[in-house]
């Protein structure tokens, strides 16, 4: 455990208790590991599941130490209907809210659940933090930006080469969504509204808050390999979707030609940014931070090609004969789907306030992720095939 830690301004960092809602998920598991390994802080881990943090809860397993186990408590509860939540927030110095429905296929097929999960269920968390004078770090999404101004320009417009029309800035870019019948925007709209409510609580009632807008955080334990570390049904985000295809030796499906452009950042880089927010409240409070890697920008088609190359390297398997196929967004996601063309984060504010910049290249983060997923999938298949038949 680290000792004598100081913040970016040279002030001592005192041990704190952190209520982490959604601690059992992809991001939460990596953040828990980081906090336990490098800081003296204590974690009240709140979630419905704890599979991804079991190694932190059991002193004898997975590299955890007794000192780690003493500093993390798991509380199995659903924040939408559990009266214990306020008590846990009161016990903590800081609440980190990671809870959300954030799977694109759900935005069309389960828009009510998506809106309730990302807005209604988050309301008590904000309320309890505000009423009890507790600091809040709330995880939003880069999807709150919606579509770029540039996507409305004519295809042949020279302005399409100007980054001002595409780069997304926390304090300047408008949030442009599609029409109401495009239910794909239910997630983004709910996330934007809770951001506005948090901001208003800060302005009117003095809530100390930080809002995080992740841009495609990627790495080991990323949700999900269906039927293995996630639900058997549903369509995950693009990188997990491609991973599943590669693991099962199926063609990677390029929605509407795979022309959309995205950026990807390594989970370990992103968690460094979150730790800086946690330990530097004077620099992080009242700010919204993009957390992404603009240097790792590719089209979805380019991502598919790179992932095929990386997977061939880490698995030792040859690519299938037809590695990609084109599908329509209607066929893949169903009615009501819509999308943004680009999502490139401006990094000015987080660099100025916290001095943070991502380090890991797209190739390296894909290699780390696919190595983990290939090993996990192989172990799961081996375990399934070794089970004795029922008599």
Foldseek 3Di string as FASTA:
>chain_A
DDPQDAAPVRHGFDAWEEEEAPLQADLNLLLLVCCLVHHLYAYEYEEQDNVSNVQQCDCVHDPHHPSSNVRYDYDRDDLQDDPCVLVSQLRTQEYEYPWADDFLLCLQVPLVRRLCRLAVSCVVVLVSCLVNVHAYEYEFALCLQPAFQLVPDPPPDPCVVPCVRPADDPPDRHRDHDDPLLSSCSNSVSRVVNVVVSLVSCVPRVHWYFYEHEFAEFFASHDDQDPQSDPVDDQGDQVSQLLNCVLVLHAREQAPNQQAKGFYAYSVLQSVLVVSCVRCSVLGTSYYAYDTALVRMDGSVVVQVLLQVLLCVLVVDHHDPRRHDYDYCCVVSNPSHDHYRYHGYDHVSSCVRRVGHGDDYPNVRSNRHSNNVNVSVVVVVVVVVPDDDDD
